[in-house]
Amino acid sequence: MTNLGFHFGTVYVRDRGLADVSRAVEELMAEAARQPTDERGLDPTPDELTEAKPIRSFALVPMEDGWTTVLEDGHPLDDGGLALGLSDVLAAEAIHLRYSDSEGFWEYTRYLEGQPLEAGGADDDDFDVGALDFVNGLRLPHFGVYYEEVAVAAGERAPALAGALTIAGGVVPRIPIGTEIRTFRSEIKPRLQSSDSP
């Protein structure tokens, strides 16, 4: 059995369709001074806070079993406040699920109408079993699918991380028709630090 080394965060929104979630993502990005862009080729920035990335790209996967799925490029564990924001804007339930084989844990935070409702997870020897029980219990779709896989399946014109045009092992995820790729560039220019600053 091959260890896939999953390490990702996924946001799920309950009972809100793709069009509503797409509009809400755009609203949240506009509030953060980000504008839509068609630019392709993002620089992976795994050590940066997600909300500080100059470009954020999302794959929005149509509703399945009552959940619309949002995946972000770079598969960060930090969602930059996306689940909370979507829950607030859409007056809906949202879940941010974090999972890492390499760090040996899974966690979730559930929001309702913009308020944290509950949180949980595990970092014991059976963390993976607990995560699958949670996913299966709520029927959360697309567990373990990365943004980059969706962008590849969406075609050459979709934004994707640099070098992410093929998938290791040739595994192609099941991507429902109607899946959208949305990319936003920050309008805020980073401040240059003075060479004599401490």
Protein backbone atom coordinates (compact mmCIF):
# COMPACT_ATOMS: atom_id res chain seq x y z
CA MET A 1 0.00 0.00 0.00
CA THR A 2 1.41 3.40 -1.02
CA ASN A 3 1.40 6.28 1.46
CA LEU A 4 -0.12 9.18 -0.45
CA GLY A 5 1.10 11.73 2.07
CA PHE A 6 -2.07 13.81 2.11
CA HIS A 7 -1.66 17.31 3.56
CA PHE A 8 -4.48 19.75 2.87
CA GLY A 9 -7.33 21.89 4.05
CA THR A 10 -10.78 21.82 2.45
CA VAL A 11 -13.76 24.11 2.99
CA TYR A 12 -17.31 22.79 2.66
CA VAL A 13 -20.50 24.87 2.53
CA ARG A 14 -23.83 23.18 3.24
CA ASP A 15 -26.94 23.70 1.12
CA ARG A 16 -25.60 26.60 -0.93
CA GLY A 17 -25.11 26.10 -4.66
CA LEU A 18 -22.02 26.83 -6.71
CA ALA A 19 -23.26 30.21 -7.99
CA ASP A 20 -23.91 31.46 -4.44
CA VAL A 21 -20.56 30.19 -3.15
CA SER A 22 -18.74 31.70 -6.15
CA ARG A 23 -20.35 35.11 -5.53
CA ALA A 24 -19.49 34.89 -1.82
CA VAL A 25 -15.84 34.03 -2.55
CA GLU A 26 -15.65 37.03 -4.87
CA GLU A 27 -17.19 39.27 -2.20
CA LEU A 28 -14.72 38.07 0.44
CA MET A 29 -11.76 38.55 -1.89
CA ALA A 30 -12.96 42.08 -2.78
CA GLU A 31 -13.17 42.91 0.93
CA ALA A 32 -9.53 41.79 1.19
CA ALA A 33 -8.54 44.10 -1.70
CA ARG A 34 -8.22 41.27 -4.24
CA GLN A 35 -9.43 41.39 -7.81
CA PRO A 36 -10.22 38.50 -10.19
CA THR A 37 -7.42 37.59 -12.58
CA ASP A 38 -6.90 35.03 -15.34
CA GLU A 39 -3.17 34.82 -14.66
CA ARG A 40 -1.71 31.32 -14.70
CA GLY A 41 1.42 30.14 -12.91
CA LEU A 42 1.44 30.87 -9.20
CA ASP A 43 4.49 30.80 -6.95
CA PRO A 44 4.03 28.21 -4.20
CA THR A 45 4.35 29.93 -0.83
CA PRO A 46 3.83 27.21 1.79
CA ASP A 47 5.41 29.19 4.63
CA GLU A 48 3.24 32.30 4.18
CA LEU A 49 -0.07 32.80 5.89
CA THR A 50 -2.75 32.04 3.33
CA GLU A 51 -4.37 35.46 3.65
CA ALA A 52 -0.98 37.09 2.90
CA LYS A 53 -0.40 35.30 -0.41
CA PRO A 54 -0.26 37.73 -3.36
CA ILE A 55 -2.47 35.40 -5.43
CA ARG A 56 -5.15 33.03 -4.17
CA SER A 57 -6.76 30.45 -6.47
CA PHE A 58 -9.78 28.30 -5.65
CA ALA A 59 -11.47 25.32 -7.25
CA LEU A 60 -15.19 25.47 -6.57
CA VAL A 61 -16.80 22.06 -6.96
CA PRO A 62 -20.59 21.85 -7.45
CA MET A 63 -22.81 20.64 -4.64
CA GLU A 64 -22.81 16.94 -3.88
CA ASP A 65 -24.67 15.33 -0.97
CA GLY A 66 -25.61 18.84 0.17
CA TRP A 67 -22.03 20.22 0.24
CA THR A 68 -20.26 22.62 -2.13
CA THR A 69 -16.49 22.10 -1.92
CA VAL A 70 -13.82 24.82 -2.03
CA LEU A 71 -10.16 23.83 -2.57
CA GLU A 72 -7.28 26.32 -2.50
CA ASP A 73 -3.98 26.18 -4.37
CA GLY A 74 -0.99 24.95 -2.39
CA HIS A 75 -3.29 22.76 -0.22
CA PRO A 76 -2.74 24.94 2.87
CA LEU A 77 -3.96 23.88 6.29
CA ASP A 78 -4.77 27.55 7.04
CA ASP A 79 -7.83 28.71 5.09
CA GLY A 80 -7.26 32.43 5.65
CA GLY A 81 -10.70 32.83 7.22
CA LEU A 82 -12.55 31.48 4.18
CA ALA A 83 -14.89 29.05 5.99
CA LEU A 84 -15.86 31.66 8.58
CA GLY A 85 -16.37 34.28 5.87
CA LEU A 86 -18.48 32.04 3.64
CA SER A 87 -20.59 30.99 6.61
CA ASP A 88 -21.19 34.65 7.45
CA VAL A 89 -21.86 35.98 3.93
CA LEU A 90 -24.13 33.06 3.01
CA ALA A 91 -25.77 32.72 6.47
CA ALA A 92 -24.93 29.04 6.18
CA GLU A 93 -23.09 26.17 7.79
CA ALA A 94 -19.47 25.75 6.71
CA ILE A 95 -16.70 23.36 7.73
CA HIS A 96 -12.96 23.81 7.46
CA LEU A 97 -11.36 20.34 7.46
CA ARG A 98 -7.59 20.02 7.91
CA TYR A 99 -5.74 16.73 7.40
CA SER A 100 -2.03 15.85 7.38
CA ASP A 101 -0.43 12.44 7.03
CA SER A 102 3.01 14.00 7.47
CA GLU A 103 2.08 15.65 10.77
CA GLY A 104 -0.27 12.86 11.86
CA PHE A 105 -3.49 14.72 12.65
CA TRP A 106 -6.86 15.88 11.44
CA GLU A 107 -8.99 18.78 12.68
CA TYR A 108 -12.18 20.52 11.80
CA THR A 109 -13.98 23.72 12.71
CA ARG A 110 -17.67 24.06 12.01
CA TYR A 111 -19.27 27.49 11.58
CA LEU A 112 -22.91 28.50 11.49
CA GLU A 113 -23.95 31.92 10.21
CA GLY A 114 -20.49 33.35 10.79
CA GLN A 115 -20.01 31.96 14.31
CA PRO A 116 -17.77 29.06 15.41
CA LEU A 117 -20.07 26.20 16.38
CA GLU A 118 -17.72 23.34 17.27
CA ALA A 119 -14.25 21.98 16.65
CA GLY A 120 -12.54 18.63 16.99
CA GLY A 121 -10.13 16.15 15.51
CA ALA A 122 -7.37 13.80 16.63
CA ASP A 123 -3.61 13.34 16.59
CA ASP A 124 -3.47 9.77 17.91
CA ASP A 125 -2.43 6.58 16.11
CA ASP A 126 -5.90 6.23 14.58
CA PHE A 127 -6.21 9.83 13.36
CA ASP A 128 -6.79 8.67 9.78
CA VAL A 129 -9.62 6.35 10.81
CA GLY A 130 -11.26 9.13 12.79
CA ALA A 131 -10.99 11.49 9.85
CA LEU A 132 -12.62 9.01 7.48
CA ASP A 133 -15.41 8.34 9.99
CA PHE A 134 -16.05 12.10 10.19
CA VAL A 135 -16.00 12.53 6.41
CA ASN A 136 -18.25 9.53 5.82
CA GLY A 137 -20.62 10.48 8.63
CA LEU A 138 -21.29 13.90 7.10
CA ARG A 139 -20.96 12.64 3.52
CA LEU A 140 -18.30 15.24 2.74
CA PRO A 141 -17.30 14.85 -0.93
CA HIS A 142 -13.86 15.07 -2.58
CA PHE A 143 -11.81 14.22 0.51
CA GLY A 144 -8.12 14.28 -0.45
CA VAL A 145 -8.56 16.05 -3.78
CA TYR A 146 -6.13 18.92 -4.33
CA TYR A 147 -6.75 22.19 -6.17
CA GLU A 148 -3.86 21.38 -8.52
CA GLU A 149 -5.53 18.14 -9.61
CA VAL A 150 -8.73 20.00 -10.39
CA ALA A 151 -6.86 22.71 -12.32
CA VAL A 152 -5.09 20.07 -14.41
CA ALA A 153 -8.37 18.32 -15.16
CA ALA A 154 -9.92 21.68 -16.07
CA GLY A 155 -7.37 22.20 -18.85
CA GLU A 156 -4.44 24.35 -19.86
CA ARG A 157 -6.31 27.66 -19.53
CA ALA A 158 -7.10 27.15 -15.84
CA PRO A 159 -4.76 28.74 -13.29
CA ALA A 160 -2.49 26.25 -11.57
CA LEU A 161 0.68 26.21 -9.53
CA ALA A 162 3.86 26.34 -11.58
CA GLY A 163 4.90 22.81 -12.47
CA ALA A 164 1.53 21.32 -11.57
CA LEU A 165 0.53 20.38 -15.13
CA THR A 166 0.80 16.67 -14.51
CA ILE A 167 -0.31 14.49 -11.63
CA ALA A 168 2.11 12.06 -10.01
CA GLY A 169 1.09 8.51 -10.83
CA GLY A 170 -1.33 9.65 -13.51
CA VAL A 171 -4.25 9.77 -11.06
CA VAL A 172 -6.99 12.06 -12.34
CA PRO A 173 -9.68 13.01 -9.82
CA ARG A 174 -13.39 12.81 -10.56
CA ILE A 175 -14.26 16.42 -11.33
CA PRO A 176 -17.96 17.18 -11.79
CA ILE A 177 -19.11 19.21 -14.77
CA GLY A 178 -19.49 22.84 -13.77
CA THR A 179 -16.43 23.00 -11.53
CA GLU A 180 -14.98 26.54 -11.55
CA ILE A 181 -11.46 27.84 -11.05
CA ARG A 182 -11.40 31.35 -9.52
CA THR A 183 -8.17 33.31 -9.05
CA PHE A 184 -7.66 36.63 -7.24
CA ARG A 185 -4.64 38.96 -7.13
CA SER A 186 -3.94 41.23 -4.18
CA GLU A 187 -4.10 44.95 -4.95
CA ILE A 188 -1.99 45.74 -1.90
CA LYS A 189 1.70 46.12 -2.74
CA PRO A 190 4.09 44.71 -0.13
CA ARG A 191 5.95 47.40 1.81
CA LEU A 192 9.68 47.61 1.17
CA GLN A 193 11.73 47.49 4.33
CA SER A 194 14.52 49.97 4.88
CA SER A 195 17.97 48.42 4.98
CA ASP A 196 18.65 50.16 8.28
CA SER A 197 15.46 49.00 9.96
CA PRO A 198 15.89 46.59 12.89
